[in-house]
């Protein structure tokens, strides 16, 4: 697997990937996240134009297996958090619109590992009903920080991961 920036020609594959991800969410009881039309082609094209849409490609055949928007912060959506607090105020990147062809194949971990090569801190949010994403985030070491609100007022559970290097070079997460 390798990760690269998405290009305009990837749009059809990305839209199929998002439709597939919605199906996975619905099958797992997440009926409200990513309603009809989201993410739209316009949103995905905007991510591609800004250079923040990344894809995980199968090294053998080049097929797109996963995607995410990896965006340098600050993100205005994260300026207010309730029922908790961010771990720190360090500069961060945000991951939005993460989708995989099938859960359990390590694509999210691959994307998180890759992202941590570019930033010390990642923030991410998900719908309260997205049990798969909650599991993945906790398993990887993200820490639940509280609730944020999207521009339309919808609540999302917010997580953060901060990377520190110990003397042994081991990655640690912390909750300062």
Protein backbone atom coordinates (compact mmCIF):
# COMPACT_ATOMS: atom_id res chain seq x y z
CA UNK A 1 0.00 0.00 0.00
CA UNK A 2 1.11 3.54 -0.64
CA UNK A 3 -0.43 6.93 0.06
CA UNK A 4 -0.59 9.78 -2.42
CA UNK A 5 -2.52 12.98 -3.01
CA UNK A 6 -5.78 12.43 -4.84
CA UNK A 7 -6.14 13.77 -8.37
CA UNK A 8 -9.25 14.81 -10.31
CA UNK A 9 -9.35 11.46 -12.14
CA UNK A 10 -9.84 9.75 -8.76
CA UNK A 11 -13.25 11.40 -8.21
CA UNK A 12 -15.43 8.48 -9.44
CA UNK A 13 -13.51 5.98 -7.30
CA UNK A 14 -13.70 8.31 -4.30
CA UNK A 15 -17.45 8.75 -4.64
CA UNK A 16 -17.88 4.94 -4.81
CA UNK A 17 -15.69 4.63 -1.74
CA UNK A 18 -17.83 7.13 0.19
CA UNK A 19 -21.03 5.34 -0.88
CA UNK A 20 -19.51 2.05 0.29
CA UNK A 21 -18.52 3.62 3.62
CA UNK A 22 -22.08 4.89 4.11
CA UNK A 23 -23.32 1.33 3.55
CA UNK A 24 -20.92 0.03 6.19
CA UNK A 25 -22.07 2.71 8.63
CA UNK A 26 -25.76 1.94 8.03
CA UNK A 27 -25.17 -1.81 8.45
CA UNK A 28 -23.59 -1.06 11.85
CA UNK A 29 -26.46 1.12 13.07
CA UNK A 30 -25.04 4.54 12.18
CA UNK A 31 -28.08 5.87 10.33
CA UNK A 32 -27.41 9.61 10.64
CA UNK A 33 -23.79 10.36 9.74
CA UNK A 34 -23.09 11.32 6.14
CA UNK A 35 -26.67 11.77 4.99
CA UNK A 36 -27.68 11.76 1.35
CA UNK A 37 -25.36 13.85 -0.75
CA UNK A 38 -22.50 14.06 1.74
CA UNK A 39 -19.75 14.21 1.00
CA UNK A 40 -20.74 15.78 -2.30
CA UNK A 41 -18.58 15.83 -5.40
CA UNK A 42 -18.12 19.55 -4.74
CA UNK A 43 -16.71 18.87 -1.25
CA UNK A 44 -14.36 16.16 -2.55
CA UNK A 45 -13.23 18.29 -5.51
CA UNK A 46 -12.53 21.15 -3.11
CA UNK A 47 -10.36 18.79 -1.01
CA UNK A 48 -8.49 17.71 -4.15
CA UNK A 49 -8.01 21.34 -5.29
CA UNK A 50 -6.65 22.35 -1.88
CA UNK A 51 -4.29 19.36 -1.91
CA UNK A 52 -5.70 17.84 1.29
CA UNK A 53 -7.37 14.70 -0.12
CA UNK A 54 -5.19 11.59 0.15
CA UNK A 55 -5.74 8.04 -1.03
CA UNK A 56 -4.33 4.69 0.00
CA UNK A 57 -3.60 2.64 -3.09
CA UNK A 58 -3.05 -1.07 -3.41
CA UNK A 59 0.58 -1.44 -4.48
CA UNK A 60 -0.20 -4.41 -6.71
CA UNK A 61 -3.01 -2.97 -8.82
CA UNK A 62 -3.19 0.74 -7.96
CA UNK A 63 -6.81 0.49 -6.78
CA UNK A 64 -7.90 3.05 -4.19
CA UNK A 65 -8.58 1.26 -0.90
CA UNK A 66 -9.08 4.23 1.45
CA UNK A 67 -9.15 8.01 1.63
CA UNK A 68 -9.00 10.89 4.06
CA UNK A 69 -8.83 14.66 4.10
CA UNK A 70 -5.70 15.62 6.04
CA UNK A 71 -5.91 19.32 6.79
CA UNK A 72 -3.56 21.62 8.70
CA UNK A 73 -5.28 23.31 11.65
CA UNK A 74 -6.60 25.34 13.16
CA UNK A 75 -10.12 24.19 12.30
CA UNK A 76 -12.84 26.61 13.40
CA UNK A 77 -15.12 23.67 14.23
CA UNK A 78 -12.68 22.74 16.99
CA UNK A 79 -12.45 26.19 18.59
CA UNK A 80 -15.19 25.32 21.09
CA UNK A 81 -15.40 21.99 22.90
CA UNK A 82 -17.74 21.02 25.71
CA UNK A 83 -17.99 18.12 28.16
CA UNK A 84 -14.21 17.94 28.15
CA UNK A 85 -11.12 19.70 26.82
CA UNK A 86 -8.43 19.26 24.21
CA UNK A 87 -5.28 17.54 25.43
CA UNK A 88 -3.18 20.57 24.51
CA UNK A 89 -3.10 23.63 22.29
CA UNK A 90 -0.22 22.41 20.14
CA UNK A 91 -0.40 22.97 16.38
CA UNK A 92 -2.40 20.12 14.83
CA UNK A 93 -3.79 18.59 11.68
CA UNK A 94 -7.35 17.38 11.31
CA UNK A 95 -8.54 14.21 9.63
CA UNK A 96 -11.96 14.45 8.01
CA UNK A 97 -13.88 12.24 5.58
CA UNK A 98 -11.99 9.03 6.29
CA UNK A 99 -13.39 6.07 4.37
CA UNK A 100 -12.15 2.54 3.65
CA UNK A 101 -13.26 -0.21 1.29
CA UNK A 102 -13.67 -2.65 4.17
CA UNK A 103 -13.05 -2.41 7.91
CA UNK A 104 -10.41 -4.61 9.53
CA UNK A 105 -7.78 -4.41 6.80
CA UNK A 106 -5.50 -1.87 8.54
CA UNK A 107 -6.16 1.06 6.21
CA UNK A 108 -7.03 3.51 9.00
CA UNK A 109 -3.88 2.55 10.91
CA UNK A 110 -1.83 3.04 7.74
CA UNK A 111 -3.32 6.52 7.29
CA UNK A 112 -2.77 7.45 10.95
CA UNK A 113 0.84 6.20 10.83
CA UNK A 114 1.42 8.22 7.66
CA UNK A 115 -0.20 11.36 9.12
CA UNK A 116 1.98 11.20 12.24
CA UNK A 117 4.97 11.57 9.94
CA UNK A 118 3.82 15.14 9.27
CA UNK A 119 2.44 16.34 12.60
CA UNK A 120 2.80 15.82 16.32
CA UNK A 121 -0.92 16.20 16.96
CA UNK A 122 -4.06 15.01 15.18
CA UNK A 123 -7.66 15.92 15.93
CA UNK A 124 -10.61 14.02 14.53
CA UNK A 125 -14.34 13.81 15.20
CA UNK A 126 -17.08 11.32 14.53
CA UNK A 127 -20.79 10.80 15.03
CA UNK A 128 -21.81 9.25 18.37
CA UNK A 129 -23.36 6.32 16.45
CA UNK A 130 -20.16 5.48 14.53
CA UNK A 131 -19.09 2.53 16.68
CA UNK A 132 -16.50 1.36 14.15
CA UNK A 133 -14.67 4.70 14.14
CA UNK A 134 -14.87 5.02 17.94
CA UNK A 135 -13.27 1.56 18.21
CA UNK A 136 -10.54 2.35 15.67
CA UNK A 137 -9.66 5.66 17.31
CA UNK A 138 -9.43 4.20 20.82
CA UNK A 139 -7.48 1.17 19.60
CA UNK A 140 -4.94 3.42 17.89
CA UNK A 141 -4.51 5.57 21.00
CA UNK A 142 -6.67 8.61 20.32
CA UNK A 143 -8.15 10.06 23.49
CA UNK A 144 -11.76 11.17 23.73
CA UNK A 145 -11.78 14.91 24.53
CA UNK A 146 -15.43 16.02 24.44
CA UNK A 147 -18.11 17.23 22.05
CA UNK A 148 -17.70 19.72 19.20
CA UNK A 149 -20.35 21.14 16.90
CA UNK A 150 -20.31 21.27 13.12
CA UNK A 151 -21.23 24.48 11.30
CA UNK A 152 -24.81 23.17 10.96
CA UNK A 153 -25.03 22.59 14.73
CA UNK A 154 -24.71 18.78 14.70
CA UNK A 155 -22.74 17.36 17.64
CA UNK A 156 -19.69 15.18 17.12
CA UNK A 157 -17.47 13.26 19.52
CA UNK A 158 -13.96 14.71 19.36
CA UNK A 159 -10.66 12.89 19.78
CA UNK A 160 -7.04 13.94 19.84
CA UNK A 161 -3.72 12.14 19.55
CA UNK A 162 -0.47 13.82 20.54
CA UNK A 163 2.83 12.21 19.77
CA UNK A 164 5.78 12.34 22.11
CA UNK A 165 9.02 10.52 21.75
CA UNK A 166 10.40 8.81 24.81
CA UNK A 167 14.14 8.31 25.20
CA UNK A 168 13.68 4.87 23.64
CA UNK A 169 11.99 6.46 20.60
CA UNK A 170 8.67 4.82 21.45
CA UNK A 171 5.50 6.72 20.51
CA UNK A 172 3.34 7.72 23.44
CA UNK A 173 0.02 9.48 23.76
CA UNK A 174 -0.67 11.68 26.69
CA UNK A 175 -3.48 13.57 28.34
CA UNK A 176 -1.50 16.47 29.90
